[in-house]
Amino acid sequence: MNFNTRFSLILTAALLAAGCSSNAEKPTSAAAPSGATPDSCTSSAAEHFKGQAATPELLEQARQQAGASTARILTPDSVVTLEYNGQRLNLNVDDQRMITRVSCG
């Protein structure tokens, strides 16, 4: 290998290694939702809807009672996004659209 090839390989390796390092501060703990805010969801306020058939009207009632800004019904075959939204109420239902789980997120 000639000098230019070796130099290029060494320089490339050094640049790649430098690009992998970071001086940014790392958080000491994961950001978790803290106490209730006026617009936050409280799933326990809508737990009594478990076992009932999910309808648009019931979804709206559950959303209001939970203090959520949005709500959605999740069927067993639903494709959902994984981002956490502390202001969203989730109603999980079975194949007969009976509510099986109430959660926020």
N, C-alpha and C. Protein backbone atom coordinates (compact mmCIF):
# COMPACT_ATOMS: atom_id res chain seq x y z
N MET A 1 0.84 -1.17 0.00
CA MET A 1 0.00 0.00 0.00
C MET A 1 0.89 1.24 0.00
N ASN A 2 0.57 2.17 -0.84
CA ASN A 2 1.39 3.38 -0.87
C ASN A 2 0.98 4.34 0.25
N PHE A 3 1.76 5.36 0.43
CA PHE A 3 1.57 6.30 1.53
C PHE A 3 0.21 6.99 1.46
N ASN A 4 -0.21 7.44 0.29
CA ASN A 4 -1.48 8.16 0.14
C ASN A 4 -2.67 7.28 0.51
N THR A 5 -2.64 6.02 0.14
CA THR A 5 -3.74 5.11 0.47
C THR A 5 -3.81 4.89 1.97
N ARG A 6 -2.66 4.64 2.60
CA ARG A 6 -2.63 4.45 4.06
C ARG A 6 -3.11 5.70 4.79
N PHE A 7 -2.61 6.83 4.35
CA PHE A 7 -3.00 8.09 4.97
C PHE A 7 -4.50 8.31 4.86
N SER A 8 -5.06 8.04 3.69
CA SER A 8 -6.50 8.20 3.47
C SER A 8 -7.31 7.28 4.37
N LEU A 9 -6.87 6.02 4.50
CA LEU A 9 -7.57 5.07 5.37
C LEU A 9 -7.51 5.49 6.83
N ILE A 10 -6.35 5.92 7.28
CA ILE A 10 -6.19 6.35 8.67
C ILE A 10 -7.03 7.59 8.94
N LEU A 11 -7.01 8.54 8.02
CA LEU A 11 -7.79 9.76 8.18
C LEU A 11 -9.28 9.45 8.21
N THR A 12 -9.73 8.57 7.33
CA THR A 12 -11.14 8.18 7.30
C THR A 12 -11.55 7.52 8.61
N ALA A 13 -10.72 6.61 9.11
CA ALA A 13 -11.02 5.93 10.37
C ALA A 13 -11.08 6.92 11.52
N ALA A 14 -10.17 7.88 11.54
CA ALA A 14 -10.16 8.88 12.61
C ALA A 14 -11.40 9.75 12.56
N LEU A 15 -11.81 10.15 11.37
CA LEU A 15 -13.01 10.97 11.24
C LEU A 15 -14.26 10.20 11.64
N LEU A 16 -14.33 8.93 11.27
CA LEU A 16 -15.48 8.12 11.66
C LEU A 16 -15.54 7.95 13.18
N ALA A 17 -14.39 7.71 13.79
CA ALA A 17 -14.36 7.57 15.25
C ALA A 17 -14.76 8.87 15.94
N ALA A 18 -14.30 9.99 15.41
CA ALA A 18 -14.65 11.29 16.00
C ALA A 18 -16.14 11.57 15.86
N GLY A 19 -16.71 11.15 14.77
CA GLY A 19 -18.14 11.36 14.55
C GLY A 19 -19.01 10.55 15.48
N CYS A 20 -18.48 9.48 16.02
CA CYS A 20 -19.25 8.62 16.92
C CYS A 20 -19.26 9.13 18.35
N SER A 21 -18.35 10.02 18.69
CA SER A 21 -18.32 10.53 20.06
C SER A 21 -19.28 11.69 20.19
N SER A 22 -19.69 11.95 21.43
CA SER A 22 -20.62 13.02 21.68
C SER A 22 -20.29 13.69 22.99
N ASN A 23 -20.37 14.99 23.02
CA ASN A 23 -20.15 15.74 24.24
C ASN A 23 -21.46 16.20 24.87
N ALA A 24 -22.58 15.84 24.26
CA ALA A 24 -23.88 16.27 24.78
C ALA A 24 -24.16 15.61 26.12
N GLU A 25 -24.81 16.37 26.99
CA GLU A 25 -25.18 15.81 28.29
C GLU A 25 -26.28 14.79 28.10
N LYS A 26 -26.16 13.70 28.82
CA LYS A 26 -27.18 12.67 28.77
C LYS A 26 -28.11 12.87 29.95
N PRO A 27 -29.43 12.70 29.74
CA PRO A 27 -30.35 12.86 30.86
C PRO A 27 -30.10 11.78 31.90
N THR A 28 -30.27 12.14 33.17
CA THR A 28 -30.03 11.18 34.23
C THR A 28 -31.19 10.22 34.41
N SER A 29 -32.36 10.60 33.97
CA SER A 29 -33.50 9.70 34.04
C SER A 29 -34.45 10.03 32.91
N ALA A 30 -35.26 9.06 32.56
CA ALA A 30 -36.22 9.27 31.48
C ALA A 30 -37.27 10.28 31.93
N ALA A 31 -37.67 11.12 30.99
CA ALA A 31 -38.71 12.08 31.32
C ALA A 31 -40.03 11.35 31.45
N ALA A 32 -40.61 11.42 32.59
CA ALA A 32 -41.89 10.76 32.84
C ALA A 32 -42.94 11.82 33.11
N PRO A 33 -44.17 11.51 32.76
CA PRO A 33 -45.21 12.48 33.04
C PRO A 33 -45.28 12.75 34.54
N SER A 34 -45.30 14.01 34.91
CA SER A 34 -45.40 14.33 36.33
C SER A 34 -46.85 14.57 36.69
N GLY A 35 -47.08 15.10 37.83
CA GLY A 35 -48.43 15.25 38.37
C GLY A 35 -49.45 15.75 37.37
N ALA A 36 -50.68 15.67 37.77
CA ALA A 36 -51.78 16.04 36.89
C ALA A 36 -51.76 17.53 36.58
N THR A 37 -52.02 17.83 35.35
CA THR A 37 -52.17 19.21 34.92
C THR A 37 -53.59 19.37 34.44
N PRO A 38 -54.06 20.58 34.25
CA PRO A 38 -55.46 20.76 33.85
C PRO A 38 -55.82 20.01 32.57
N ASP A 39 -54.87 19.81 31.67
CA ASP A 39 -55.17 19.14 30.40
C ASP A 39 -54.69 17.70 30.37
N SER A 40 -54.35 17.12 31.51
CA SER A 40 -53.83 15.76 31.48
C SER A 40 -54.95 14.74 31.62
N CYS A 41 -54.68 13.56 31.17
CA CYS A 41 -55.64 12.46 31.17
C CYS A 41 -55.54 11.69 32.49
N THR A 42 -56.69 11.31 33.05
CA THR A 42 -56.75 10.49 34.26
C THR A 42 -57.61 9.28 33.93
N SER A 43 -56.97 8.17 33.56
CA SER A 43 -57.71 7.00 33.10
C SER A 43 -58.61 6.41 34.17
N SER A 44 -58.24 6.54 35.44
CA SER A 44 -59.06 5.95 36.50
C SER A 44 -60.47 6.54 36.53
N ALA A 45 -60.63 7.76 36.05
CA ALA A 45 -61.94 8.39 36.03
C ALA A 45 -62.87 7.76 34.99
N ALA A 46 -62.30 6.97 34.07
CA ALA A 46 -63.11 6.33 33.03
C ALA A 46 -63.09 4.81 33.13
N GLU A 47 -62.52 4.27 34.20
CA GLU A 47 -62.43 2.81 34.37
C GLU A 47 -63.80 2.14 34.37
N HIS A 48 -64.82 2.84 34.84
CA HIS A 48 -66.15 2.22 34.94
C HIS A 48 -66.76 1.92 33.57
N PHE A 49 -66.13 2.36 32.49
CA PHE A 49 -66.63 2.04 31.15
C PHE A 49 -66.20 0.64 30.69
N LYS A 50 -65.30 0.00 31.43
CA LYS A 50 -64.88 -1.36 31.06
C LYS A 50 -66.09 -2.28 31.00
N GLY A 51 -66.11 -3.13 29.98
CA GLY A 51 -67.20 -4.08 29.81
C GLY A 51 -68.36 -3.53 28.99
N GLN A 52 -68.34 -2.25 28.69
CA GLN A 52 -69.40 -1.65 27.88
C GLN A 52 -68.99 -1.62 26.42
N ALA A 53 -69.98 -1.53 25.54
CA ALA A 53 -69.71 -1.45 24.11
C ALA A 53 -69.19 -0.06 23.77
N ALA A 54 -68.12 -0.01 23.00
CA ALA A 54 -67.52 1.26 22.61
C ALA A 54 -68.31 1.88 21.47
N THR A 55 -68.81 3.06 21.69
CA THR A 55 -69.53 3.83 20.68
C THR A 55 -68.90 5.22 20.64
N PRO A 56 -69.17 5.98 19.59
CA PRO A 56 -68.64 7.35 19.55
C PRO A 56 -69.13 8.19 20.74
N GLU A 57 -70.38 7.99 21.14
CA GLU A 57 -70.93 8.74 22.26
C GLU A 57 -70.21 8.38 23.56
N LEU A 58 -70.01 7.08 23.78
CA LEU A 58 -69.32 6.63 24.99
C LEU A 58 -67.88 7.12 24.99
N LEU A 59 -67.23 7.11 23.84
CA LEU A 59 -65.85 7.60 23.73
C LEU A 59 -65.77 9.05 24.18
N GLU A 60 -66.72 9.86 23.75
CA GLU A 60 -66.74 11.27 24.13
C GLU A 60 -67.00 11.43 25.63
N GLN A 61 -67.91 10.65 26.18
CA GLN A 61 -68.17 10.70 27.63
C GLN A 61 -66.91 10.32 28.41
N ALA A 62 -66.26 9.25 27.99
CA ALA A 62 -65.05 8.79 28.67
C ALA A 62 -63.95 9.85 28.57
N ARG A 63 -63.80 10.45 27.40
CA ARG A 63 -62.79 11.50 27.21
C ARG A 63 -63.03 12.66 28.18
N GLN A 64 -64.27 13.10 28.27
CA GLN A 64 -64.59 14.22 29.15
C GLN A 64 -64.34 13.86 30.61
N GLN A 65 -64.78 12.67 31.02
CA GLN A 65 -64.61 12.27 32.41
C GLN A 65 -63.14 12.08 32.78
N ALA A 66 -62.34 11.65 31.82
CA ALA A 66 -60.91 11.45 32.08
C ALA A 66 -60.12 12.76 31.99
N GLY A 67 -60.76 13.81 31.50
CA GLY A 67 -60.08 15.09 31.35
C GLY A 67 -59.08 15.10 30.22
N ALA A 68 -59.26 14.22 29.25
CA ALA A 68 -58.34 14.12 28.12
C ALA A 68 -58.74 15.09 27.02
N SER A 69 -57.76 15.52 26.24
CA SER A 69 -58.07 16.41 25.12
C SER A 69 -58.45 15.62 23.88
N THR A 70 -57.96 14.38 23.76
CA THR A 70 -58.33 13.51 22.65
C THR A 70 -58.57 12.11 23.17
N ALA A 71 -59.22 11.29 22.35
CA ALA A 71 -59.47 9.90 22.74
C ALA A 71 -59.53 9.05 21.48
N ARG A 72 -59.23 7.77 21.65
CA ARG A 72 -59.29 6.86 20.52
C ARG A 72 -59.69 5.47 21.00
N ILE A 73 -60.30 4.72 20.09
CA ILE A 73 -60.66 3.32 20.34
C ILE A 73 -59.64 2.46 19.62
N LEU A 74 -59.05 1.53 20.36
CA LEU A 74 -58.03 0.65 19.79
C LEU A 74 -58.58 -0.77 19.70
N THR A 75 -58.76 -1.24 18.48
CA THR A 75 -59.23 -2.61 18.26
C THR A 75 -58.03 -3.55 18.26
N PRO A 76 -58.27 -4.87 18.39
CA PRO A 76 -57.14 -5.80 18.41
C PRO A 76 -56.22 -5.70 17.19
N ASP A 77 -56.75 -5.29 16.05
CA ASP A 77 -55.93 -5.20 14.84
C ASP A 77 -55.54 -3.76 14.50
N SER A 78 -55.71 -2.85 15.44
CA SER A 78 -55.36 -1.44 15.19
C SER A 78 -53.85 -1.28 15.03
N VAL A 79 -53.49 -0.42 14.10
CA VAL A 79 -52.10 0.00 13.96
C VAL A 79 -52.02 1.34 14.67
N VAL A 80 -51.15 1.43 15.67
CA VAL A 80 -51.07 2.66 16.46
C VAL A 80 -49.65 3.20 16.48
N THR A 81 -49.57 4.49 16.68
CA THR A 81 -48.27 5.12 16.86
C THR A 81 -47.82 4.89 18.30
N LEU A 82 -46.54 4.92 18.54
CA LEU A 82 -46.02 4.60 19.86
C LEU A 82 -45.63 5.83 20.68
N GLU A 83 -45.88 7.02 20.17
CA GLU A 83 -45.51 8.19 20.96
C GLU A 83 -46.48 8.34 22.12
N TYR A 84 -45.95 8.77 23.25
CA TYR A 84 -46.77 8.96 24.44
C TYR A 84 -47.41 10.33 24.38
N ASN A 85 -48.70 10.38 24.60
CA ASN A 85 -49.43 11.64 24.66
C ASN A 85 -50.24 11.62 25.95
N GLY A 86 -49.79 12.33 26.95
CA GLY A 86 -50.43 12.34 28.25
C GLY A 86 -51.81 12.97 28.26
N GLN A 87 -52.24 13.53 27.14
CA GLN A 87 -53.55 14.15 27.05
C GLN A 87 -54.52 13.31 26.23
N ARG A 88 -54.13 12.06 25.92
CA ARG A 88 -54.98 11.20 25.08
C ARG A 88 -55.48 10.00 25.88
N LEU A 89 -56.77 9.70 25.76
CA LEU A 89 -57.38 8.53 26.38
C LEU A 89 -57.45 7.42 25.35
N ASN A 90 -57.06 6.21 25.75
CA ASN A 90 -57.14 5.03 24.89
C ASN A 90 -58.16 4.07 25.47
N LEU A 91 -59.09 3.62 24.65
CA LEU A 91 -60.02 2.57 25.03
C LEU A 91 -59.70 1.35 24.18
N ASN A 92 -59.14 0.32 24.80
CA ASN A 92 -58.86 -0.92 24.09
C ASN A 92 -60.13 -1.77 24.11
N VAL A 93 -60.46 -2.34 22.96
CA VAL A 93 -61.67 -3.16 22.85
C VAL A 93 -61.33 -4.53 22.29
N ASP A 94 -62.24 -5.49 22.51
CA ASP A 94 -62.06 -6.82 21.95
C ASP A 94 -62.74 -6.88 20.59
N ASP A 95 -62.85 -8.08 20.03
CA ASP A 95 -63.44 -8.24 18.70
C ASP A 95 -64.91 -7.84 18.65
N GLN A 96 -65.59 -7.85 19.79
CA GLN A 96 -67.00 -7.45 19.84
C GLN A 96 -67.15 -5.97 20.23
N ARG A 97 -66.03 -5.24 20.24
CA ARG A 97 -65.98 -3.82 20.58
C ARG A 97 -66.38 -3.53 22.02
N MET A 98 -66.16 -4.51 22.91
CA MET A 98 -66.37 -4.31 24.34
C MET A 98 -65.07 -3.78 24.93
N ILE A 99 -65.15 -2.77 25.75
CA ILE A 99 -63.96 -2.14 26.32
C ILE A 99 -63.30 -3.09 27.31
N THR A 100 -62.02 -3.35 27.09
CA THR A 100 -61.25 -4.26 27.94
C THR A 100 -60.19 -3.54 28.76
N ARG A 101 -59.81 -2.34 28.33
CA ARG A 101 -58.73 -1.61 29.01
C ARG A 101 -58.91 -0.12 28.78
N VAL A 102 -58.65 0.66 29.80
CA VAL A 102 -58.70 2.11 29.72
C VAL A 102 -57.33 2.63 30.15
N SER A 103 -56.71 3.44 29.30
CA SER A 103 -55.38 3.97 29.63
C SER A 103 -55.18 5.32 28.98
N CYS A 104 -54.18 6.01 29.45
CA CYS A 104 -53.79 7.29 28.85
C CYS A 104 -52.47 7.09 28.13
N GLY A 105 -52.25 7.89 27.14
CA GLY A 105 -50.96 7.81 26.46
C GLY A 105 -51.01 7.96 24.99
